[in-house]
């Protein structure tokens, strides 16, 4: 009986540990992103800001219906009246995790894959036009937020932006889709080096985009028929409710 009780407690502890979200490790050293983004900004951004989102997310979901769910499922299920602790911190963890994945030093970047390149040409004409739209979305976002390139529920590419730590997977967002590229325009992402010069930061961070990784994100999003169908269904429900 004692052994069974010990095993139950051990499994419960392991289960609880496995469900906790963690901050991902950067694929490169902090200094490798310089001079585009300085090492101190990268370290503070990851170990202070992102870590805070993860810590607060784990606290927010503990003992709730969201405990044990994937991050994607949490984002998709966040109700419009969700507590800020859940909405902000789940979004903050997802958004930053994607951001770190698509950044790379020049020497480690690879070219855009053919699938994404063809989609960009079809939707925007060329990558320079995409860049202009992304910069416009980022510059016009008042206060803090994100600029996004997403795969819409119909499979096309679209540029959009969100406030704070919202992202297009969330039902609270007007424009829905699967993010494949995100640019953080919170001041903590650039203030140490660029102060209020958001445009200079955008140019710098654009130079860190690893288009091969963004292509992987695009291909994965296009192949995720289940998620795209769910987003399409959510859009239909929202239109009927108006």
Protein backbone atom coordinates (compact mmCIF):
# COMPACT_ATOMS: atom_id res chain seq x y z
CA UNK A 1 0.00 0.00 0.00
CA UNK A 2 2.85 2.35 0.93
CA UNK A 3 4.62 1.60 -2.35
CA UNK A 4 1.45 2.30 -4.31
CA UNK A 5 0.99 5.62 -2.52
CA UNK A 6 4.61 6.57 -3.22
CA UNK A 7 4.20 5.68 -6.90
CA UNK A 8 1.00 7.73 -7.15
CA UNK A 9 2.67 10.79 -5.59
CA UNK A 10 5.71 10.38 -7.85
CA UNK A 11 3.59 10.13 -11.00
CA UNK A 12 1.57 13.15 -9.91
CA UNK A 13 4.74 15.16 -9.37
CA UNK A 14 6.21 14.12 -12.71
CA UNK A 15 2.94 14.92 -14.46
CA UNK A 16 2.85 18.37 -12.89
CA UNK A 17 6.47 19.00 -13.88
CA UNK A 18 5.88 17.88 -17.46
CA UNK A 19 2.99 20.29 -17.86
CA UNK A 20 5.04 23.35 -16.89
CA UNK A 21 6.07 25.63 -19.74
CA UNK A 22 9.72 26.62 -20.00
CA UNK A 23 11.71 29.32 -21.76
CA UNK A 24 13.47 27.90 -24.83
CA UNK A 25 17.22 28.20 -25.24
CA UNK A 26 18.48 30.55 -27.93
CA UNK A 27 20.20 28.74 -30.81
CA UNK A 28 23.04 31.28 -30.73
CA UNK A 29 25.01 33.27 -28.16
CA UNK A 30 23.57 36.64 -27.14
CA UNK A 31 26.49 38.45 -28.76
CA UNK A 32 25.94 36.69 -32.10
CA UNK A 33 22.91 38.89 -32.81
CA UNK A 34 25.00 42.07 -32.58
CA UNK A 35 25.28 44.66 -33.95
CA UNK A 36 21.62 44.37 -35.06
CA UNK A 37 20.53 43.65 -31.49
CA UNK A 38 23.04 44.02 -28.69
CA UNK A 39 23.87 41.15 -26.35
CA UNK A 40 22.48 42.86 -23.23
CA UNK A 41 19.09 43.43 -24.87
CA UNK A 42 18.92 39.80 -26.01
CA UNK A 43 19.80 38.51 -22.54
CA UNK A 44 17.35 40.77 -20.69
CA UNK A 45 14.63 40.07 -23.25
CA UNK A 46 14.96 36.30 -22.84
CA UNK A 47 15.88 35.83 -19.18
CA UNK A 48 13.77 38.62 -17.67
CA UNK A 49 10.80 39.42 -19.93
CA UNK A 50 10.19 36.04 -21.55
CA UNK A 51 10.92 34.23 -18.30
CA UNK A 52 8.35 36.39 -16.52
CA UNK A 53 5.69 35.46 -19.09
CA UNK A 54 6.43 31.77 -18.58
CA UNK A 55 6.44 32.00 -14.79
CA UNK A 56 3.14 33.89 -14.75
CA UNK A 57 1.57 31.57 -17.34
CA UNK A 58 2.36 28.51 -15.22
CA UNK A 59 0.78 30.24 -12.22
CA UNK A 60 -2.27 31.32 -14.21
CA UNK A 61 -3.14 27.84 -15.51
CA UNK A 62 -2.42 25.86 -12.37
CA UNK A 63 -5.53 24.04 -11.24
CA UNK A 64 -7.66 25.42 -14.09
CA UNK A 65 -9.20 23.85 -17.20
CA UNK A 66 -6.09 24.99 -19.11
CA UNK A 67 -3.68 23.00 -16.95
CA UNK A 68 -2.08 20.29 -19.09
CA UNK A 69 -3.17 21.74 -22.43
CA UNK A 70 -0.73 22.64 -25.19
CA UNK A 71 0.12 26.31 -25.63
CA UNK A 72 -1.63 26.35 -29.00
CA UNK A 73 -4.81 24.91 -27.50
CA UNK A 74 -4.74 27.48 -24.71
CA UNK A 75 -4.46 30.31 -27.23
CA UNK A 76 -7.31 28.94 -29.34
CA UNK A 77 -9.53 28.52 -26.28
CA UNK A 78 -8.97 31.87 -24.57
CA UNK A 79 -12.39 33.51 -24.15
CA UNK A 80 -12.87 37.25 -24.83
CA UNK A 81 -13.32 37.86 -21.12
CA UNK A 82 -10.23 35.87 -20.11
CA UNK A 83 -8.16 37.19 -17.25
CA UNK A 84 -5.22 39.29 -18.37
CA UNK A 85 -2.83 36.90 -16.63
CA UNK A 86 -3.82 34.09 -18.99
CA UNK A 87 -4.19 36.10 -22.20
CA UNK A 88 -1.05 38.19 -21.82
CA UNK A 89 1.27 35.48 -20.57
CA UNK A 90 0.16 32.69 -22.92
CA UNK A 91 0.53 35.13 -25.80
CA UNK A 92 3.85 36.40 -24.48
CA UNK A 93 5.29 32.89 -24.33
CA UNK A 94 4.07 31.87 -27.79
CA UNK A 95 5.07 35.13 -29.47
CA UNK A 96 8.57 35.23 -28.06
CA UNK A 97 9.21 31.54 -28.73
CA UNK A 98 8.41 32.09 -32.41
CA UNK A 99 10.51 35.27 -32.48
CA UNK A 100 13.64 33.49 -31.22
CA UNK A 101 13.20 30.70 -33.75
CA UNK A 102 13.25 32.93 -36.82
CA UNK A 103 16.23 35.11 -35.84
CA UNK A 104 19.77 34.20 -36.83
CA UNK A 105 23.10 35.95 -37.37
CA UNK A 106 23.89 36.74 -41.01
CA UNK A 107 26.48 33.96 -41.19
CA UNK A 108 23.91 31.35 -40.13
CA UNK A 109 21.00 32.43 -42.34
CA UNK A 110 19.74 30.55 -45.37
CA UNK A 111 17.71 31.74 -48.34
CA UNK A 112 13.94 31.73 -48.56
CA UNK A 113 12.55 28.41 -49.77
CA UNK A 114 10.74 28.16 -53.09
CA UNK A 115 7.31 27.50 -51.54
CA UNK A 116 7.36 30.67 -49.44
CA UNK A 117 9.04 32.72 -52.16
CA UNK A 118 6.30 31.80 -54.65
CA UNK A 119 3.60 32.66 -52.08
CA UNK A 120 5.23 36.04 -51.37
CA UNK A 121 5.40 36.87 -55.08
CA UNK A 122 1.78 35.81 -55.58
CA UNK A 123 0.49 37.91 -52.66
CA UNK A 124 2.86 40.89 -52.49
CA UNK A 125 4.75 40.96 -55.79
CA UNK A 126 8.18 40.64 -54.18
CA UNK A 127 9.86 40.49 -50.79
CA UNK A 128 10.49 44.26 -50.75
CA UNK A 129 6.74 44.88 -50.92
CA UNK A 130 6.26 42.41 -48.05
CA UNK A 131 8.92 44.28 -46.08
CA UNK A 132 7.12 47.60 -46.63
CA UNK A 133 3.83 46.15 -45.41
CA UNK A 134 5.48 44.58 -42.36
CA UNK A 135 7.22 47.86 -41.50
CA UNK A 136 3.97 49.77 -41.98
CA UNK A 137 2.12 47.38 -39.66
CA UNK A 138 4.89 47.65 -37.06
CA UNK A 139 5.21 51.44 -37.24
CA UNK A 140 1.46 52.05 -37.08
CA UNK A 141 0.98 49.80 -34.05
CA UNK A 142 0.44 52.33 -31.27
CA UNK A 143 2.21 51.47 -28.04
CA UNK A 144 3.27 47.85 -27.60
CA UNK A 145 2.48 44.89 -29.82
CA UNK A 146 3.54 42.73 -32.73
CA UNK A 147 3.58 42.80 -36.53
CA UNK A 148 2.80 39.47 -38.19
CA UNK A 149 2.99 37.55 -41.43
CA UNK A 150 0.36 34.85 -41.21
CA UNK A 151 -1.15 32.04 -43.22
CA UNK A 152 -4.88 32.80 -43.27
CA UNK A 153 -7.58 30.13 -42.92
CA UNK A 154 -7.89 30.13 -46.73
CA UNK A 155 -4.17 29.43 -47.12
CA UNK A 156 -3.01 32.83 -48.37
CA UNK A 157 -0.41 35.13 -46.80
CA UNK A 158 -1.44 38.29 -44.98
CA UNK A 159 0.25 41.02 -42.93
CA UNK A 160 -1.45 42.12 -39.73
CA UNK A 161 -0.63 43.43 -36.27
CA UNK A 162 -1.87 42.93 -32.73
CA UNK A 163 -1.71 44.88 -29.50
CA UNK A 164 0.18 43.82 -26.41
CA UNK A 165 0.81 40.03 -26.46
CA UNK A 166 -2.19 39.03 -28.57
CA UNK A 167 -1.59 36.98 -31.71
CA UNK A 168 -3.73 35.84 -34.66
CA UNK A 169 -4.38 32.38 -33.20
CA UNK A 170 -6.54 33.98 -30.52
CA UNK A 171 -10.27 34.30 -30.98
CA UNK A 172 -10.09 37.83 -29.59
CA UNK A 173 -8.24 38.94 -32.74
CA UNK A 174 -10.16 40.25 -35.74
CA UNK A 175 -7.68 38.78 -38.26
CA UNK A 176 -7.03 35.08 -37.67
CA UNK A 177 -4.29 32.87 -39.00
CA UNK A 178 -1.14 30.90 -38.20
CA UNK A 179 1.87 33.16 -37.58
CA UNK A 180 5.02 32.36 -39.56
CA UNK A 181 6.91 35.61 -38.92
CA UNK A 182 6.52 37.98 -35.99
CA UNK A 183 8.30 41.20 -35.06
CA UNK A 184 8.22 42.37 -31.47
CA UNK A 185 7.62 46.12 -31.21
CA UNK A 186 7.54 46.35 -27.44
CA UNK A 187 10.19 48.86 -26.37
CA UNK A 188 11.96 46.25 -24.25
CA UNK A 189 12.94 44.58 -27.54
CA UNK A 190 15.08 47.51 -28.64
CA UNK A 191 15.18 50.47 -26.23
CA UNK A 192 18.73 50.01 -24.89
CA UNK A 193 20.23 50.41 -28.36
CA UNK A 194 17.59 52.27 -30.37
CA UNK A 195 15.63 54.25 -27.74
CA UNK A 196 12.55 55.65 -29.56
CA UNK A 197 13.90 54.88 -33.06
CA UNK A 198 11.55 52.04 -33.89
CA UNK A 199 12.21 52.35 -37.63
CA UNK A 200 15.95 51.79 -37.11
CA UNK A 201 15.21 48.74 -34.97
CA UNK A 202 12.89 47.32 -37.65
CA UNK A 203 15.64 47.62 -40.26
CA UNK A 204 18.08 45.92 -37.90
CA UNK A 205 15.81 43.05 -36.88
CA UNK A 206 14.79 42.46 -40.51
CA UNK A 207 18.46 41.78 -41.15
CA UNK A 208 18.31 38.92 -38.65
CA UNK A 209 15.44 37.08 -40.34
CA UNK A 210 16.33 33.48 -41.19
CA UNK A 211 14.16 32.88 -44.25
CA UNK A 212 14.81 29.15 -44.32
CA UNK A 213 13.29 28.88 -40.83
CA UNK A 214 10.37 31.11 -41.85
CA UNK A 215 9.86 28.84 -44.86
CA UNK A 216 9.66 25.87 -42.47
CA UNK A 217 7.03 27.73 -40.48
CA UNK A 218 5.11 28.49 -43.67
CA UNK A 219 5.21 24.90 -44.93
CA UNK A 220 4.11 23.62 -41.52
CA UNK A 221 1.22 26.10 -41.38
CA UNK A 222 0.03 25.20 -44.89
CA UNK A 223 0.10 21.51 -43.99
CA UNK A 224 -1.86 22.05 -40.76
CA UNK A 225 -5.26 21.51 -42.35
CA UNK A 226 -6.90 20.77 -39.01
CA UNK A 227 -5.89 24.10 -37.48
CA UNK A 228 -6.70 26.11 -40.61
CA UNK A 229 -10.15 24.50 -40.73
CA UNK A 230 -10.74 25.34 -37.08
CA UNK A 231 -9.80 28.98 -37.67
CA UNK A 232 -12.09 29.10 -40.72
CA UNK A 233 -14.93 27.67 -38.65
CA UNK A 234 -14.32 30.22 -35.91
CA UNK A 235 -14.51 33.03 -38.48
CA UNK A 236 -17.85 31.73 -39.76
CA UNK A 237 -19.26 31.57 -36.23
CA UNK A 238 -18.07 35.10 -35.55
CA UNK A 239 -19.78 36.42 -38.72
CA UNK A 240 -23.04 34.68 -37.81
CA UNK A 241 -22.90 36.19 -34.36
CA UNK A 242 -22.74 39.75 -35.70
